[in-house]
Amino acid sequence: MGDKSQESRTVDLLVCDMAGTTVLDEGQVPAAFTAALADYGVAVSAEAINRLRGASKREAISELLPVTADRAERTEHVYEAFRAHLERGFGQSVRPVPGAAETIRKLREHGVKVALNTGFDRDTTNLLLRALGWDGGFVDVVVCGDEVAEGRPAPDLIRACMSATGVADASRVAAVGDTVLDLRAGHNAGVAFNIGVLSGAHGREQLEREPHTHLLSGVTDIPGLLGLR
């Protein structure tokens, strides 16, 4: 654990989280969780929501709901409310992390494939991609939380990105995210570069306690880390 000295090493694939890593997190996600749960009479603390940042959104809602016989059904109702609140929030403002688009272009110019992975479902993700102008092949592949068996900290999202891009060797993969669960997923996937960024939900103190190879201020530091100029 801990930052390793920078070293020039080419990887074949960079797997990037979205909200807080490549897309500015301006509070839309926790606000949508809070509002959706409140719609169904459930009050949760900001700390409880923060602990689940990076998880599959449906799984996070299930964790936040009290254990009842109809928990699965309530999860689906709250999830639909969450999607509606989130789409309204992002519809008002969706912006990339400064320099993220340029970083993605640079990596691809150097032959590194770039994948986005997210706990959002496909419909919400497509809304974000269109709003950002990142649809139509801006990255090599996008994998969403409703397309894998298990969300983070399971490695399923990263492994689906690897499969979709034809990269079989995890030692040729870098993964980057802004949450504890992003780092745990990268560790569980066995990636060579398991990178935490300080641009989103969790701060340095939280991320330092998790398995990682590097902590960076943001995604714009990744080309230099990989020796790509």
Protein backbone atom coordinates (compact mmCIF):
# COMPACT_ATOMS: atom_id res chain seq x y z
CA MET A 1 0.00 0.00 0.00
CA GLY A 2 1.13 3.57 -0.60
CA ASP A 3 2.43 5.56 -3.52
CA LYS A 4 5.12 3.96 -5.59
CA SER A 5 7.77 6.06 -7.33
CA GLN A 6 6.74 7.07 -10.83
CA GLU A 7 7.89 4.70 -13.50
CA SER A 8 7.45 4.60 -17.28
CA ARG A 9 5.27 1.62 -18.01
CA THR A 10 2.75 1.28 -20.75
CA VAL A 11 -0.60 -0.32 -20.03
CA ASP A 12 -3.08 -1.52 -22.61
CA LEU A 13 -6.26 -0.39 -20.84
CA LEU A 14 -7.29 2.35 -18.43
CA VAL A 15 -10.62 1.75 -16.67
CA CYS A 16 -12.10 5.00 -15.35
CA ASP A 17 -14.95 5.61 -12.95
CA MET A 18 -17.37 8.39 -13.95
CA ALA A 19 -18.90 10.58 -11.19
CA GLY A 20 -16.11 12.17 -9.15
CA THR A 21 -13.35 10.82 -11.39
CA THR A 22 -14.04 11.92 -14.97
CA VAL A 23 -17.38 13.68 -14.40
CA LEU A 24 -17.65 16.50 -11.87
CA ASP A 25 -19.52 15.43 -8.75
CA GLU A 26 -21.38 18.54 -7.64
CA GLY A 27 -23.58 16.77 -5.12
CA GLN A 28 -26.18 15.43 -7.56
CA VAL A 29 -25.73 11.78 -6.57
CA PRO A 30 -26.09 12.07 -2.75
CA ALA A 31 -28.89 14.60 -3.25
CA ALA A 32 -30.76 12.12 -5.44
CA PHE A 33 -30.28 9.33 -2.87
CA THR A 34 -31.56 11.57 -0.07
CA ALA A 35 -34.58 12.78 -2.03
CA ALA A 36 -35.57 9.33 -3.30
CA LEU A 37 -35.40 7.76 0.15
CA ALA A 38 -37.31 10.70 1.63
CA ASP A 39 -40.04 10.11 -0.96
CA TYR A 40 -40.61 6.76 0.75
CA GLY A 41 -40.29 7.99 4.31
CA VAL A 42 -36.68 6.94 4.91
CA ALA A 43 -34.21 9.43 6.38
CA VAL A 44 -30.49 8.67 6.06
CA SER A 45 -27.39 10.56 7.09
CA ALA A 46 -24.84 12.00 4.70
CA GLU A 47 -22.27 9.69 6.29
CA ALA A 48 -24.33 6.60 5.49
CA ILE A 49 -24.65 7.64 1.86
CA ASN A 50 -20.97 8.54 1.62
CA ARG A 51 -19.92 5.08 2.79
CA LEU A 52 -21.71 3.56 -0.20
CA ARG A 53 -20.34 5.90 -2.86
CA GLY A 54 -19.02 3.87 -5.80
CA ALA A 55 -21.42 0.97 -5.24
CA SER A 56 -24.10 -0.20 -7.61
CA LYS A 57 -26.89 2.30 -7.04
CA ARG A 58 -29.55 -0.38 -6.64
CA GLU A 59 -27.36 -2.27 -4.15
CA ALA A 60 -26.67 0.96 -2.25
CA ILE A 61 -30.39 1.70 -1.93
CA SER A 62 -31.04 -1.81 -0.65
CA GLU A 63 -28.35 -1.32 2.00
CA LEU A 64 -29.89 1.99 3.08
CA LEU A 65 -33.42 0.63 3.45
CA PRO A 66 -34.54 -1.04 6.70
CA VAL A 67 -34.80 -4.81 6.59
CA THR A 68 -38.44 -5.66 5.90
CA ALA A 69 -40.31 -8.43 4.10
CA ASP A 70 -40.91 -6.14 1.12
CA ARG A 71 -37.37 -4.74 0.99
CA ALA A 72 -36.70 -5.95 -2.57
CA GLU A 73 -39.90 -4.36 -3.87
CA ARG A 74 -39.23 -1.11 -2.00
CA THR A 75 -35.70 -1.07 -3.41
CA GLU A 76 -37.08 -1.02 -6.96
CA HIS A 77 -39.52 1.80 -6.17
CA VAL A 78 -36.83 3.91 -4.50
CA TYR A 79 -34.39 3.14 -7.32
CA GLU A 80 -36.83 4.50 -9.93
CA ALA A 81 -37.29 7.63 -7.81
CA PHE A 82 -33.50 7.95 -7.50
CA ARG A 83 -33.12 7.79 -11.28
CA ALA A 84 -35.74 10.49 -11.75
CA HIS A 85 -34.13 12.81 -9.18
CA LEU A 86 -30.67 12.17 -10.62
CA GLU A 87 -31.73 12.87 -14.19
CA ARG A 88 -33.22 16.18 -13.09
CA GLY A 89 -30.05 17.05 -11.18
CA PHE A 90 -27.69 16.15 -13.98
CA GLY A 91 -30.03 17.70 -16.54
CA GLN A 92 -29.35 21.06 -14.95
CA SER A 93 -25.57 20.68 -15.00
CA VAL A 94 -23.22 17.97 -16.28
CA ARG A 95 -19.57 18.87 -16.65
CA PRO A 96 -16.42 16.81 -17.04
CA VAL A 97 -13.63 17.01 -14.52
CA PRO A 98 -11.30 19.71 -15.90
CA GLY A 99 -8.82 18.08 -18.26
CA ALA A 100 -10.53 14.67 -18.25
CA ALA A 101 -11.56 14.77 -21.91
CA GLU A 102 -8.09 15.84 -23.01
CA THR A 103 -6.53 13.10 -20.88
CA ILE A 104 -8.74 10.44 -22.45
CA ARG A 105 -7.84 11.66 -25.94
CA LYS A 106 -4.13 11.67 -25.11
CA LEU A 107 -4.19 8.13 -23.75
CA ARG A 108 -6.00 6.83 -26.81
CA GLU A 109 -3.56 8.65 -29.09
CA HIS A 110 -0.79 6.70 -27.33
CA GLY A 111 -2.58 3.41 -27.99
CA VAL A 112 -4.06 2.96 -24.53
CA LYS A 113 -7.67 1.81 -24.62
CA VAL A 114 -9.98 3.72 -22.29
CA ALA A 115 -13.11 2.28 -20.67
CA LEU A 116 -15.65 3.94 -18.42
CA ASN A 117 -17.30 1.93 -15.67
CA THR A 118 -20.06 3.14 -13.40
CA GLY A 119 -22.61 2.11 -10.82
CA PHE A 120 -25.28 3.96 -12.83
CA ASP A 121 -27.65 2.00 -15.03
CA ARG A 122 -27.42 2.16 -18.82
CA ASP A 123 -30.21 4.69 -19.34
CA THR A 124 -28.76 7.17 -16.83
CA THR A 125 -25.26 6.63 -18.19
CA ASN A 126 -26.38 7.31 -21.75
CA LEU A 127 -28.01 10.54 -20.58
CA LEU A 128 -24.70 11.63 -19.05
CA LEU A 129 -22.67 10.63 -22.09
CA ARG A 130 -24.94 12.58 -24.44
CA ALA A 131 -24.86 15.64 -22.20
CA LEU A 132 -21.05 15.51 -22.10
CA GLY A 133 -20.71 14.83 -25.83
CA TRP A 134 -18.94 11.58 -24.94
CA ASP A 135 -21.23 9.25 -26.86
CA GLY A 136 -20.44 7.97 -30.33
CA GLY A 137 -17.12 6.29 -29.58
CA PHE A 138 -15.39 8.87 -27.39
CA VAL A 139 -14.08 5.95 -25.31
CA ASP A 140 -13.57 2.32 -26.27
CA VAL A 141 -16.31 0.88 -24.07
CA VAL A 142 -18.71 1.82 -21.28
CA VAL A 143 -19.90 -0.78 -18.74
CA CYS A 144 -22.78 -0.01 -16.37
CA GLY A 145 -23.87 -1.33 -13.00
CA ASP A 146 -26.94 -3.09 -14.38
CA GLU A 147 -24.81 -5.08 -16.83
CA VAL A 148 -22.75 -7.13 -14.37
CA ALA A 149 -23.60 -9.72 -11.74
CA GLU A 150 -22.06 -7.80 -8.82
CA GLY A 151 -21.17 -4.17 -8.33
CA ARG A 152 -18.09 -2.84 -6.55
CA PRO A 153 -16.13 -3.96 -4.58
CA ALA A 154 -16.47 -7.03 -6.78
CA PRO A 155 -14.18 -6.86 -9.84
CA ASP A 156 -17.00 -7.53 -12.32
CA LEU A 157 -17.13 -4.03 -13.84
CA ILE A 158 -13.38 -3.96 -14.49
CA ARG A 159 -13.32 -7.49 -15.86
CA ALA A 160 -16.24 -6.69 -18.18
CA CYS A 161 -14.24 -3.71 -19.50
CA MET A 162 -11.26 -6.00 -20.05
CA SER A 163 -13.36 -8.56 -21.88
CA ALA A 164 -15.00 -5.93 -24.09
CA THR A 165 -11.64 -4.44 -25.10
CA GLY A 166 -9.81 -7.76 -25.54
CA VAL A 167 -7.34 -7.14 -22.71
CA ALA A 168 -6.97 -10.45 -20.87
CA ASP A 169 -3.97 -9.69 -18.63
CA ALA A 170 -4.74 -7.60 -15.53
CA SER A 171 -1.04 -6.69 -15.29
CA ARG A 172 -1.64 -4.56 -18.40
CA VAL A 173 -4.56 -2.69 -16.83
CA ALA A 174 -4.84 0.52 -14.81
CA ALA A 175 -8.00 1.42 -12.90
CA VAL A 176 -8.85 4.83 -11.46
CA GLY A 177 -11.60 6.00 -9.14
CA ASP A 178 -12.45 8.42 -6.35
CA THR A 179 -14.00 6.06 -3.79
CA VAL A 180 -13.01 3.35 -1.36
CA LEU A 181 -15.06 0.83 -3.35
CA ASP A 182 -13.28 1.79 -6.58
CA LEU A 183 -9.95 0.92 -4.98
CA ARG A 184 -11.25 -2.32 -3.53
CA ALA A 185 -12.61 -3.33 -6.94
CA GLY A 186 -9.27 -2.56 -8.59
CA HIS A 187 -7.47 -4.61 -5.97
CA ASN A 188 -9.88 -7.51 -6.41
CA ALA A 189 -9.36 -7.37 -10.18
CA GLY A 190 -5.58 -7.54 -9.70
CA VAL A 191 -4.80 -4.49 -11.85
CA ALA A 192 -1.23 -3.25 -12.13
CA PHE A 193 -2.08 0.38 -11.38
CA ASN A 194 -4.84 0.83 -8.79
CA ILE A 195 -5.19 4.60 -8.69
CA GLY A 196 -7.21 6.75 -6.34
CA VAL A 197 -7.97 10.37 -7.25
CA LEU A 198 -8.82 13.18 -4.85
CA SER A 199 -11.35 14.88 -7.13
CA GLY A 200 -14.51 13.22 -5.82
CA ALA A 201 -16.37 11.59 -2.96
CA HIS A 202 -13.60 10.34 -0.66
CA GLY A 203 -10.58 12.22 0.62
CA ARG A 204 -6.96 11.25 1.08
CA GLU A 205 -7.41 9.93 4.62
CA GLN A 206 -10.10 7.47 3.51
CA LEU A 207 -8.32 6.36 0.35
CA GLU A 208 -4.93 5.92 2.02
CA ARG A 209 -6.36 3.13 4.17
CA GLU A 210 -7.37 1.12 1.10
CA PRO A 211 -5.25 -1.03 -1.24
CA HIS A 212 -3.79 1.22 -3.93
CA THR A 213 -0.64 1.83 -5.91
CA HIS A 214 -0.99 5.59 -6.33
CA LEU A 215 -3.04 8.53 -5.08
CA LEU A 216 -3.23 11.43 -7.51
CA SER A 217 -4.90 14.81 -7.47
CA GLY A 218 -6.87 13.91 -10.59
CA VAL A 219 -6.97 12.00 -13.87
CA THR A 220 -4.82 14.60 -15.63
CA ASP A 221 -1.81 13.18 -13.74
CA ILE A 222 -2.22 9.71 -15.29
CA PRO A 223 -0.38 10.22 -18.62
CA GLY A 224 2.71 11.41 -16.71
CA LEU A 225 2.44 8.47 -14.33
CA LEU A 226 2.44 6.08 -17.29
CA GLY A 227 5.35 7.88 -18.96
CA LEU A 228 3.18 9.22 -21.79
CA ARG A 229 4.04 12.76 -22.84
